[in-house]
């Protein structure tokens, strides 16, 4: 079974004669602005401004720049000028609070620790004397924990 592929999908629908809706709206806006020129300026100035405006309007309606419609290109230019730019590859600026400068400090000498004393040599008689003194001592009474009555 074969399927029919749609053709001309990139073309806008022609609504008003040979004009699409977007082209008609651009032409209508140009005509309204030209009419306003005749209300606010003298005839010769209004004719000159209307001629310049309508040539630009015709270019916007039918013109193409590198395969794109002129309205798309002009709107892209306006957006480029008007919107803020984002520079992706720019390094972030350092704030003064982010900068740490280490200053040279005077290093005080560390106090030397005393060397550990050599083990004391105790004779056998001194050990026996210590054992006898410990045996003579009475054991300390053990403290029993107090249990409180919870009644």
C-alpha atoms as a PDB file:
ATOM      1  CA  UNK A   1       0.000   0.000   0.000  1.00  0.00           C
ATOM      2  CA  UNK A   2       1.406   3.381  -0.944  1.00  0.00           C
ATOM      3  CA  UNK A   3       0.916   6.539   1.043  1.00  0.00           C
ATOM      4  CA  UNK A   4       0.610   9.886  -0.621  1.00  0.00           C
ATOM      5  CA  UNK A   5       3.180  12.355   0.656  1.00  0.00           C
ATOM      6  CA  UNK A   6       2.026  15.929   1.251  1.00  0.00           C
ATOM      7  CA  UNK A   7       3.535  18.501  -1.070  1.00  0.00           C
ATOM      8  CA  UNK A   8       4.229  22.188  -0.599  1.00  0.00           C
ATOM      9  CA  UNK A   9       4.167  21.958   3.191  1.00  0.00           C
ATOM     10  CA  UNK A  10       6.511  24.914   3.552  1.00  0.00           C
ATOM     11  CA  UNK A  11       4.228  27.292   1.682  1.00  0.00           C
ATOM     12  CA  UNK A  12       1.717  29.433   3.517  1.00  0.00           C
ATOM     13  CA  UNK A  13      -1.913  29.139   2.521  1.00  0.00           C
ATOM     14  CA  UNK A  14      -3.098  31.861   0.139  1.00  0.00           C
ATOM     15  CA  UNK A  15      -6.091  33.414   1.863  1.00  0.00           C
ATOM     16  CA  UNK A  16      -6.751  36.728   0.143  1.00  0.00           C
ATOM     17  CA  UNK A  17      -6.044  36.317  -3.563  1.00  0.00           C
ATOM     18  CA  UNK A  18      -2.302  35.877  -4.146  1.00  0.00           C
ATOM     19  CA  UNK A  19      -1.501  37.011  -0.588  1.00  0.00           C
ATOM     20  CA  UNK A  20      -1.153  34.987   2.544  1.00  0.00           C
ATOM     21  CA  UNK A  21      -2.592  36.302   5.802  1.00  0.00           C
ATOM     22  CA  UNK A  22       0.816  37.556   6.972  1.00  0.00           C
ATOM     23  CA  UNK A  23       1.432  39.398   3.695  1.00  0.00           C
ATOM     24  CA  UNK A  24      -2.029  40.968   3.814  1.00  0.00           C
ATOM     25  CA  UNK A  25      -1.500  42.191   7.397  1.00  0.00           C
ATOM     26  CA  UNK A  26       1.848  43.761   6.437  1.00  0.00           C
ATOM     27  CA  UNK A  27       0.245  45.528   3.415  1.00  0.00           C
ATOM     28  CA  UNK A  28      -2.678  46.719   5.550  1.00  0.00           C
ATOM     29  CA  UNK A  29      -0.328  48.172   8.198  1.00  0.00           C
ATOM     30  CA  UNK A  30       1.679  49.958   5.462  1.00  0.00           C
ATOM     31  CA  UNK A  31      -1.451  51.503   3.939  1.00  0.00           C
ATOM     32  CA  UNK A  32      -2.677  52.728   7.343  1.00  0.00           C
ATOM     33  CA  UNK A  33       0.708  54.316   8.144  1.00  0.00           C
ATOM     34  CA  UNK A  34       0.819  55.962   4.678  1.00  0.00           C
ATOM     35  CA  UNK A  35      -2.641  57.415   5.266  1.00  0.00           C
ATOM     36  CA  UNK A  36      -1.488  58.828   8.605  1.00  0.00           C
ATOM     37  CA  UNK A  37       1.431  60.520   6.820  1.00  0.00           C
ATOM     38  CA  UNK A  38      -1.080  62.555   4.778  1.00  0.00           C
ATOM     39  CA  UNK A  39      -2.797  63.761   7.962  1.00  0.00           C
ATOM     40  CA  UNK A  40       0.362  64.880   9.723  1.00  0.00           C
ATOM     41  CA  UNK A  41       2.695  66.101   6.931  1.00  0.00           C
ATOM     42  CA  UNK A  42       2.485  68.251   3.825  1.00  0.00           C
ATOM     43  CA  UNK A  43       1.557  66.450   0.608  1.00  0.00           C
ATOM     44  CA  UNK A  44       5.039  66.373  -0.959  1.00  0.00           C
ATOM     45  CA  UNK A  45       6.620  65.024   2.290  1.00  0.00           C
ATOM     46  CA  UNK A  46       3.811  62.502   2.800  1.00  0.00           C
ATOM     47  CA  UNK A  47       4.222  61.235  -0.796  1.00  0.00           C
ATOM     48  CA  UNK A  48       7.977  60.827  -0.349  1.00  0.00           C
ATOM     49  CA  UNK A  49       7.637  59.041   2.978  1.00  0.00           C
ATOM     50  CA  UNK A  50       4.813  56.846   1.642  1.00  0.00           C
ATOM     51  CA  UNK A  51       6.877  55.862  -1.396  1.00  0.00           C
ATOM     52  CA  UNK A  52       9.829  54.874   0.823  1.00  0.00           C
ATOM     53  CA  UNK A  53       7.551  53.036   3.263  1.00  0.00           C
ATOM     54  CA  UNK A  54       5.610  51.150   0.592  1.00  0.00           C
ATOM     55  CA  UNK A  55       8.794  50.001  -1.166  1.00  0.00           C
ATOM     56  CA  UNK A  56       9.960  48.573   2.165  1.00  0.00           C
ATOM     57  CA  UNK A  57       6.544  46.974   2.737  1.00  0.00           C
ATOM     58  CA  UNK A  58       6.618  45.303  -0.712  1.00  0.00           C
ATOM     59  CA  UNK A  59      10.093  43.979   0.073  1.00  0.00           C
ATOM     60  CA  UNK A  60       8.865  42.594   3.407  1.00  0.00           C
ATOM     61  CA  UNK A  61       5.874  40.961   1.721  1.00  0.00           C
ATOM     62  CA  UNK A  62       7.621  39.242  -1.192  1.00  0.00           C
ATOM     63  CA  UNK A  63      11.381  39.460  -0.578  1.00  0.00           C
ATOM     64  CA  UNK A  64      13.639  36.562   0.289  1.00  0.00           C
ATOM     65  CA  UNK A  65      17.150  36.684   1.745  1.00  0.00           C
ATOM     66  CA  UNK A  66      19.157  33.474   1.286  1.00  0.00           C
ATOM     67  CA  UNK A  67      15.980  31.409   1.012  1.00  0.00           C
ATOM     68  CA  UNK A  68      14.261  32.930   4.045  1.00  0.00           C
ATOM     69  CA  UNK A  69      11.428  35.413   3.980  1.00  0.00           C
ATOM     70  CA  UNK A  70      12.429  39.019   4.546  1.00  0.00           C
ATOM     71  CA  UNK A  71      10.122  39.326   7.571  1.00  0.00           C
ATOM     72  CA  UNK A  72      11.929  36.468   9.309  1.00  0.00           C
ATOM     73  CA  UNK A  73      15.328  38.061   8.657  1.00  0.00           C
ATOM     74  CA  UNK A  74      14.217  41.560   9.730  1.00  0.00           C
ATOM     75  CA  UNK A  75      12.587  40.249  12.910  1.00  0.00           C
ATOM     76  CA  UNK A  76      15.775  38.298  13.652  1.00  0.00           C
ATOM     77  CA  UNK A  77      17.849  41.467  13.218  1.00  0.00           C
ATOM     78  CA  UNK A  78      15.565  43.443  15.529  1.00  0.00           C
ATOM     79  CA  UNK A  79      15.688  40.667  18.122  1.00  0.00           C
ATOM     80  CA  UNK A  80      19.495  40.573  17.900  1.00  0.00           C
ATOM     81  CA  UNK A  81      19.788  44.322  18.501  1.00  0.00           C
ATOM     82  CA  UNK A  82      17.080  44.579  21.153  1.00  0.00           C
ATOM     83  CA  UNK A  83      17.611  41.519  23.390  1.00  0.00           C
ATOM     84  CA  UNK A  84      20.591  41.231  25.755  1.00  0.00           C
ATOM     85  CA  UNK A  85      23.535  39.177  24.596  1.00  0.00           C
ATOM     86  CA  UNK A  86      24.890  36.175  26.473  1.00  0.00           C
ATOM     87  CA  UNK A  87      28.599  35.524  26.004  1.00  0.00           C
ATOM     88  CA  UNK A  88      29.011  31.856  26.791  1.00  0.00           C
ATOM     89  CA  UNK A  89      32.791  31.602  26.628  1.00  0.00           C
ATOM     90  CA  UNK A  90      33.605  34.721  28.630  1.00  0.00           C
ATOM     91  CA  UNK A  91      35.286  34.083  31.966  1.00  0.00           C
ATOM     92  CA  UNK A  92      33.346  35.442  34.937  1.00  0.00           C
ATOM     93  CA  UNK A  93      34.816  38.587  36.407  1.00  0.00           C
ATOM     94  CA  UNK A  94      36.362  38.139  39.827  1.00  0.00           C
ATOM     95  CA  UNK A  95      34.995  40.236  42.634  1.00  0.00           C
ATOM     96  CA  UNK A  96      37.346  41.662  45.214  1.00  0.00           C
ATOM     97  CA  UNK A  97      35.805  39.450  47.898  1.00  0.00           C
ATOM     98  CA  UNK A  98      36.719  36.345  45.905  1.00  0.00           C
ATOM     99  CA  UNK A  99      40.419  37.193  45.799  1.00  0.00           C
ATOM    100  CA  UNK A 100      42.505  35.901  48.689  1.00  0.00           C
ATOM    101  CA  UNK A 101      45.990  37.287  49.104  1.00  0.00           C
ATOM    102  CA  UNK A 102      48.163  35.439  51.550  1.00  0.00           C
ATOM    103  CA  UNK A 103      50.629  37.625  53.379  1.00  0.00           C
ATOM    104  CA  UNK A 104      53.897  36.436  54.741  1.00  0.00           C
ATOM    105  CA  UNK A 105      53.692  35.678  58.406  1.00  0.00           C
ATOM    106  CA  UNK A 106      56.450  35.464  60.915  1.00  0.00           C
ATOM    107  CA  UNK A 107      56.745  31.909  61.978  1.00  0.00           C
ATOM    108  CA  UNK A 108      57.434  31.595  65.634  1.00  0.00           C
ATOM    109  CA  UNK A 109      59.659  28.722  66.559  1.00  0.00           C
ATOM    110  CA  UNK A 110      57.720  25.911  68.106  1.00  0.00           C
ATOM    111  CA  UNK A 111      58.657  25.146  71.674  1.00  0.00           C
ATOM    112  CA  UNK A 112      60.633  21.994  71.783  1.00  0.00           C
ATOM    113  CA  UNK A 113      58.947  19.217  73.639  1.00  0.00           C
ATOM    114  CA  UNK A 114      60.945  17.655  76.406  1.00  0.00           C
ATOM    115  CA  UNK A 115      62.341  14.325  75.511  1.00  0.00           C
ATOM    116  CA  UNK A 116      60.615  11.444  77.216  1.00  0.00           C
ATOM    117  CA  UNK A 117      62.491  10.200  80.212  1.00  0.00           C
ATOM    118  CA  UNK A 118      64.127   6.858  80.047  1.00  0.00           C
ATOM    119  CA  UNK A 119      62.214   4.166  81.937  1.00  0.00           C
ATOM    120  CA  UNK A 120      63.148   4.040  85.574  1.00  0.00           C
ATOM    121  CA  UNK A 121      64.837   0.858  86.550  1.00  0.00           C
ATOM    122  CA  UNK A 122      63.243  -0.546  89.661  1.00  0.00           C
ATOM    123  CA  UNK A 123      64.905  -3.200  91.720  1.00  0.00           C
ATOM    124  CA  UNK A 124      63.200  -6.371  92.852  1.00  0.00           C
ATOM    125  CA  UNK A 125      63.164  -5.202  96.468  1.00  0.00           C
ATOM    126  CA  UNK A 126      61.306  -1.999  95.574  1.00  0.00           C
ATOM    127  CA  UNK A 127      58.647  -4.022  93.722  1.00  0.00           C
ATOM    128  CA  UNK A 128      58.133  -6.252  96.768  1.00  0.00           C
ATOM    129  CA  UNK A 129      57.825  -3.181  99.001  1.00  0.00           C
ATOM    130  CA  UNK A 130      55.148  -1.681  96.712  1.00  0.00           C
ATOM    131  CA  UNK A 131      53.217  -4.954  96.686  1.00  0.00           C
ATOM    132  CA  UNK A 132      53.283  -5.127 100.507  1.00  0.00           C
ATOM    133  CA  UNK A 133      51.981  -1.544 100.791  1.00  0.00           C
ATOM    134  CA  UNK A 134      49.131  -2.275  98.417  1.00  0.00           C
ATOM    135  CA  UNK A 135      48.171  -5.434 100.313  1.00  0.00           C
ATOM    136  CA  UNK A 136      47.980  -3.535 103.621  1.00  0.00           C
ATOM    137  CA  UNK A 137      45.625  -0.921 102.281  1.00  0.00           C
ATOM    138  CA  UNK A 138      41.945  -1.502 103.013  1.00  0.00           C
ATOM    139  CA  UNK A 139      39.665  -1.681 100.001  1.00  0.00           C
ATOM    140  CA  UNK A 140      37.457   1.341  99.419  1.00  0.00           C
ATOM    141  CA  UNK A 141      33.756   0.730  99.960  1.00  0.00           C
ATOM    142  CA  UNK A 142      31.858   0.416  96.681  1.00  0.00           C
ATOM    143  CA  UNK A 143      29.127   2.913  96.161  1.00  0.00           C
ATOM    144  CA  UNK A 144      25.846   1.304  95.225  1.00  0.00           C
ATOM    145  CA  UNK A 145      23.618   3.301  92.920  1.00  0.00           C
ATOM    146  CA  UNK A 146      20.564   4.687  94.595  1.00  0.00           C
ATOM    147  CA  UNK A 147      17.294   3.248  93.347  1.00  0.00           C
ATOM    148  CA  UNK A 148      14.405   5.603  93.789  1.00  0.00           C
ATOM    149  CA  UNK A 149      11.020   4.283  94.585  1.00  0.00           C
ATOM    150  CA  UNK A 150       8.614   5.226  91.865  1.00  0.00           C
ATOM    151  CA  UNK A 151       5.416   4.957  93.820  1.00  0.00           C
END
